[in-house]
Amino acid sequence: MAVYRIAVGSPREASSPAAIRAAFAEFFSMLIFVFAGQGSGMAYNKLTMGAPAAPGGLIIASLSHAFALMVAVSVGANISGGHVNPAVTFGAFVGGNITFLRSILYWIAQLLGSVVACILLNFATGGMEIGAFSLSYGVSVWNALIFEIVMTFGLVYTVYATAVDPKKGNVGIIAPIAIGLIVGANILVGGVFDGASMNPAVSFGPAVVSWTWTNHWVYWVGPFIGSATAAILYDNIFIGDDGHQPLSNNDF
């Protein structure tokens, strides 16, 4: 079994210039990601004049989120590690790669970035509705919970394999691409069922701006369970005692 180095951290670390810069990086990365991802859905609705959902909308959502996340992860990688997701940050914490206090900074920045992106979209589109994540007809909260757990497991497993694993080697170069692609692929699978969030911040911004909280807990509990499971399994099976070491702030 891997020896975990979960740490709370110190107030000095959380208030250090490096931590503050990292939080700002997460804020701007999340803003970029949500503005493009959420905005593409709004653009599609405008083009179709609110017509019922069609397969084309799912493909657009998949591509826009995949492309935007590739960029968002890349631009934040050298500063914060490019988490762009509270669930990814939680997985990094569970694996001993980030302290709890620094995680809190990231979570605050990520949530604020999503809210600001949705506010800007609402203003820029002349007051178009910001659609909150919701379950499709016939999909129960338990169905959606399983979707979010499995999809986020795949996402965080990919993050660990391409960005966290000390043995990743040259694979780390393609980490943003792999992370973006798994999110895009998961949207093609789960988008029609529960929106395929995999990211509590992505769900939080639209929920705040539209003030719609129905079944919102699913988009927190599912991703956090999936993230923790992926972190624990990957750390124990593939990193282990010998290879496990917390990454520096510049690495992740």
Protein backbone atom coordinates (compact mmCIF):
# COMPACT_ATOMS: atom_id res chain seq x y z
CA MET A 1 0.00 0.00 0.00
CA ALA A 2 1.20 3.48 -0.80
CA VAL A 3 2.08 5.74 2.09
CA TYR A 4 -0.03 8.86 1.82
CA ARG A 5 1.40 12.24 2.64
CA ILE A 6 -1.88 14.08 3.09
CA ALA A 7 -1.11 17.41 4.73
CA VAL A 8 -3.18 20.28 6.05
CA GLY A 9 -0.60 22.92 5.23
CA SER A 10 0.18 26.14 7.04
CA PRO A 11 -1.42 29.59 6.90
CA ARG A 12 1.94 30.91 5.70
CA GLU A 13 1.83 28.58 2.71
CA ALA A 14 -1.76 29.46 1.87
CA SER A 15 -0.99 33.18 1.93
CA SER A 16 2.32 32.95 0.07
CA PRO A 17 2.72 34.81 -3.24
CA ALA A 18 3.12 31.49 -5.07
CA ALA A 19 -0.18 30.17 -3.68
CA ILE A 20 -2.00 33.39 -4.51
CA ARG A 21 -0.64 33.36 -8.05
CA ALA A 22 -1.71 29.73 -8.39
CA ALA A 23 -5.22 30.60 -7.22
CA PHE A 24 -5.44 33.41 -9.78
CA ALA A 25 -4.28 30.97 -12.45
CA GLU A 26 -7.10 28.60 -11.50
CA PHE A 27 -9.59 31.47 -11.56
CA PHE A 28 -8.65 32.56 -15.08
CA SER A 29 -8.37 29.01 -16.40
CA MET A 30 -11.84 28.22 -15.10
CA LEU A 31 -13.23 31.45 -16.53
CA ILE A 32 -11.80 30.56 -19.95
CA PHE A 33 -13.16 27.02 -19.76
CA VAL A 34 -16.69 27.83 -18.60
CA PHE A 35 -17.08 30.85 -20.88
CA ALA A 36 -16.28 28.73 -23.93
CA GLY A 37 -18.09 25.58 -22.82
CA GLN A 38 -21.26 27.18 -21.48
CA GLY A 39 -21.17 29.82 -24.19
CA SER A 40 -21.11 27.26 -26.99
CA GLY A 41 -24.37 25.81 -25.70
CA MET A 42 -25.94 29.25 -25.61
CA ALA A 43 -24.72 29.97 -29.14
CA TYR A 44 -26.24 26.70 -30.33
CA ASN A 45 -29.56 27.59 -28.73
CA LYS A 46 -29.51 30.96 -30.45
CA LEU A 47 -28.72 29.41 -33.84
CA THR A 48 -31.53 26.85 -33.45
CA MET A 49 -33.87 29.38 -31.80
CA GLY A 50 -34.39 27.12 -28.81
CA ALA A 51 -35.38 24.06 -30.83
CA PRO A 52 -35.43 20.68 -29.06
CA ALA A 53 -32.06 19.09 -28.43
CA ALA A 54 -30.45 17.38 -31.42
CA PRO A 55 -27.37 15.18 -31.89
CA GLY A 56 -25.49 18.14 -33.33
CA GLY A 57 -25.76 19.98 -30.03
CA LEU A 58 -24.11 17.09 -28.18
CA ILE A 59 -21.20 17.05 -30.62
CA ILE A 60 -20.74 20.80 -30.32
CA ALA A 61 -20.76 20.56 -26.52
CA SER A 62 -18.19 17.77 -26.62
CA LEU A 63 -15.82 19.59 -28.95
CA SER A 64 -16.09 22.99 -27.28
CA HIS A 65 -15.45 21.58 -23.81
CA ALA A 66 -12.58 19.40 -25.04
CA PHE A 67 -10.85 22.25 -26.88
CA ALA A 68 -11.42 24.79 -24.10
CA LEU A 69 -10.16 22.42 -21.42
CA MET A 70 -7.00 21.63 -23.38
CA VAL A 71 -6.23 25.35 -23.42
CA ALA A 72 -7.31 26.00 -19.82
CA VAL A 73 -5.13 23.18 -18.48
CA SER A 74 -2.18 24.27 -20.63
CA VAL A 75 -2.21 27.94 -19.60
CA GLY A 76 -2.40 27.07 -15.90
CA ALA A 77 -0.04 24.09 -15.87
CA ASN A 78 3.17 25.97 -15.08
CA ILE A 79 1.58 28.06 -12.32
CA SER A 80 -1.06 26.00 -10.53
CA GLY A 81 -0.82 22.63 -12.25
CA GLY A 82 -3.88 23.41 -14.35
CA HIS A 83 -6.46 21.59 -12.25
CA VAL A 84 -9.47 23.58 -13.55
CA ASN A 85 -11.74 21.34 -11.50
CA PRO A 86 -12.42 21.04 -7.74
CA ALA A 87 -12.64 17.25 -8.17
CA VAL A 88 -9.16 17.14 -9.73
CA THR A 89 -7.86 19.26 -6.85
CA PHE A 90 -9.51 16.84 -4.40
CA GLY A 91 -7.88 13.90 -6.15
CA ALA A 92 -4.50 15.63 -5.93
CA PHE A 93 -5.09 16.22 -2.22
CA VAL A 94 -6.08 12.60 -1.58
CA GLY A 95 -2.90 11.48 -3.32
CA GLY A 96 -0.74 13.79 -1.21
CA ASN A 97 0.16 16.14 -4.05
CA ILE A 98 -1.34 19.32 -2.59
CA THR A 99 -2.14 20.51 0.93
CA PHE A 100 -5.66 21.01 2.22
CA LEU A 101 -5.27 24.77 2.71
CA ARG A 102 -3.95 25.21 -0.80
CA SER A 103 -6.85 23.08 -2.05
CA ILE A 104 -9.29 25.47 -0.41
CA LEU A 105 -7.66 28.38 -2.25
CA TYR A 106 -8.03 26.50 -5.51
CA TRP A 107 -11.67 25.62 -4.82
CA ILE A 108 -12.59 29.23 -4.06
CA ALA A 109 -10.82 30.44 -7.19
CA GLN A 110 -12.41 27.76 -9.37
CA LEU A 111 -15.93 28.46 -8.12
CA LEU A 112 -15.51 32.21 -8.53
CA GLY A 113 -14.13 31.74 -12.04
CA SER A 114 -17.20 29.76 -13.04
CA VAL A 115 -19.62 32.27 -11.55
CA VAL A 116 -17.88 35.23 -13.19
CA ALA A 117 -17.85 33.44 -16.56
CA CYS A 118 -21.62 32.86 -16.34
CA ILE A 119 -22.28 36.46 -15.31
CA LEU A 120 -20.21 37.70 -18.26
CA LEU A 121 -22.07 35.37 -20.62
CA ASN A 122 -25.43 36.59 -19.33
CA PHE A 123 -24.38 40.20 -19.89
CA ALA A 124 -22.66 39.65 -23.25
CA THR A 125 -25.64 37.77 -24.71
CA GLY A 126 -28.14 40.39 -23.68
CA GLY A 127 -29.63 38.40 -20.84
CA MET A 128 -29.89 34.95 -22.40
CA GLU A 129 -30.75 32.22 -19.92
CA ILE A 130 -27.85 30.40 -18.28
CA GLY A 131 -28.92 26.77 -18.23
CA ALA A 132 -28.16 24.89 -15.02
CA PHE A 133 -27.20 21.24 -15.14
CA SER A 134 -30.20 18.95 -14.79
CA LEU A 135 -31.24 15.33 -15.20
CA SER A 136 -32.97 14.21 -18.37
CA TYR A 137 -36.43 12.69 -18.29
CA GLY A 138 -36.33 9.18 -16.87
CA VAL A 139 -32.89 9.61 -15.30
CA SER A 140 -32.88 9.20 -11.51
CA VAL A 141 -30.43 10.87 -9.15
CA TRP A 142 -28.81 7.47 -8.62
CA ASN A 143 -28.38 6.97 -12.36
CA ALA A 144 -26.79 10.40 -12.59
CA LEU A 145 -24.61 9.75 -9.55
CA ILE A 146 -23.16 6.62 -11.19
CA PHE A 147 -22.54 8.57 -14.39
CA GLU A 148 -20.69 11.32 -12.52
CA ILE A 149 -18.65 8.85 -10.46
CA VAL A 150 -17.52 6.81 -13.47
CA MET A 151 -16.88 9.77 -15.77
CA THR A 152 -14.88 11.64 -13.14
CA PHE A 153 -12.98 8.47 -12.32
CA GLY A 154 -11.90 8.33 -15.95
CA LEU A 155 -10.93 11.99 -15.93
CA VAL A 156 -8.86 11.88 -12.74
CA TYR A 157 -7.30 8.54 -13.70
CA THR A 158 -6.17 10.24 -16.91
CA VAL A 159 -4.82 13.20 -14.92
CA TYR A 160 -2.80 10.88 -12.70
CA ALA A 161 -1.46 8.85 -15.61
CA THR A 162 -0.41 11.81 -17.75
CA ALA A 163 0.33 14.61 -15.26
CA VAL A 164 0.88 13.28 -11.74
CA ASP A 165 2.74 9.98 -12.09
CA PRO A 166 6.47 10.60 -11.48
CA LYS A 167 7.19 7.98 -14.17
CA LYS A 168 5.11 9.74 -16.82
CA GLY A 169 8.14 10.83 -18.83
CA ASN A 170 7.33 12.35 -22.21
CA VAL A 171 3.67 11.42 -21.80
CA GLY A 172 3.34 14.58 -19.68
CA ILE A 173 3.63 16.64 -22.86
CA ILE A 174 0.24 15.43 -24.06
CA ALA A 175 -1.48 15.71 -20.65
CA PRO A 176 -3.70 18.71 -21.60
CA ILE A 177 -4.74 16.98 -24.82
CA ALA A 178 -5.53 13.69 -23.08
CA ILE A 179 -7.45 15.45 -20.32
CA GLY A 180 -9.47 17.48 -22.81
CA LEU A 181 -10.23 14.43 -24.94
CA ILE A 182 -11.49 12.28 -22.05
CA VAL A 183 -13.85 15.08 -21.01
CA GLY A 184 -15.09 15.45 -24.58
CA ALA A 185 -15.60 11.69 -24.89
CA ASN A 186 -17.46 11.52 -21.58
CA ILE A 187 -19.79 14.31 -22.70
CA LEU A 188 -20.70 12.20 -25.72
CA VAL A 189 -21.64 9.42 -23.28
CA GLY A 190 -23.30 11.22 -20.40
CA GLY A 191 -24.34 14.54 -21.86
CA VAL A 192 -27.86 13.44 -22.76
CA PHE A 193 -28.42 11.88 -19.35
CA ASP A 194 -27.24 14.46 -16.81
CA GLY A 195 -25.15 16.99 -18.72
CA ALA A 196 -21.87 15.19 -17.96
CA SER A 197 -20.41 17.73 -15.56
CA MET A 198 -17.46 15.87 -13.95
CA ASN A 199 -16.67 19.25 -12.42
CA PRO A 200 -18.49 20.82 -9.45
CA ALA A 201 -17.39 24.33 -10.45
CA VAL A 202 -18.81 23.95 -13.95
CA SER A 203 -22.18 23.07 -12.37
CA PHE A 204 -21.90 25.71 -9.64
CA GLY A 205 -21.64 28.82 -11.84
CA PRO A 206 -24.83 28.21 -13.84
CA ALA A 207 -26.65 27.16 -10.66
CA VAL A 208 -25.75 30.45 -8.96
CA VAL A 209 -26.61 32.70 -11.90
CA SER A 210 -29.90 30.90 -12.69
CA TRP A 211 -30.51 30.14 -9.00
CA THR A 212 -31.44 26.56 -9.83
CA TRP A 213 -30.33 23.96 -7.29
CA THR A 214 -32.44 20.91 -8.12
CA ASN A 215 -30.31 17.77 -7.63
CA HIS A 216 -27.22 19.96 -7.49
CA TRP A 217 -25.63 17.72 -4.87
CA VAL A 218 -25.18 15.01 -7.50
CA TYR A 219 -22.65 17.21 -9.28
CA TRP A 220 -20.53 17.41 -6.14
CA VAL A 221 -20.84 14.00 -4.57
CA GLY A 222 -20.37 12.03 -7.79
CA PRO A 223 -17.21 13.82 -8.97
CA PHE A 224 -15.62 13.76 -5.50
CA ILE A 225 -16.24 10.01 -5.10
CA GLY A 226 -14.94 9.29 -8.59
CA SER A 227 -11.91 11.50 -8.07
CA ALA A 228 -10.93 10.00 -4.72
CA THR A 229 -11.37 6.46 -6.05
CA ALA A 230 -9.14 7.14 -9.06
CA ALA A 231 -6.47 8.83 -6.94
CA ILE A 232 -6.34 6.03 -4.37
CA LEU A 233 -6.31 3.21 -6.93
CA TYR A 234 -3.73 4.78 -9.22
CA ASP A 235 -1.49 5.78 -6.32
CA ASN A 236 -1.59 2.30 -4.77
CA ILE A 237 -1.35 0.20 -7.91
CA PHE A 238 0.91 2.19 -10.21
CA ILE A 239 2.90 4.62 -8.06
CA GLY A 240 3.27 2.73 -4.79
CA ASP A 241 5.63 3.33 -1.88
CA ASP A 242 8.81 3.67 -3.89
CA GLY A 243 7.53 6.03 -6.55
CA HIS A 244 5.17 8.15 -4.48
CA GLN A 245 6.29 11.67 -3.85
CA PRO A 246 4.36 14.93 -3.61
CA LEU A 247 4.88 17.03 -6.67
CA SER A 248 6.20 20.55 -6.32
CA ASN A 249 3.85 23.48 -6.75
CA ASN A 250 5.31 24.06 -10.19
CA ASP A 251 4.64 20.50 -11.30
CA PHE A 252 1.02 20.16 -10.24
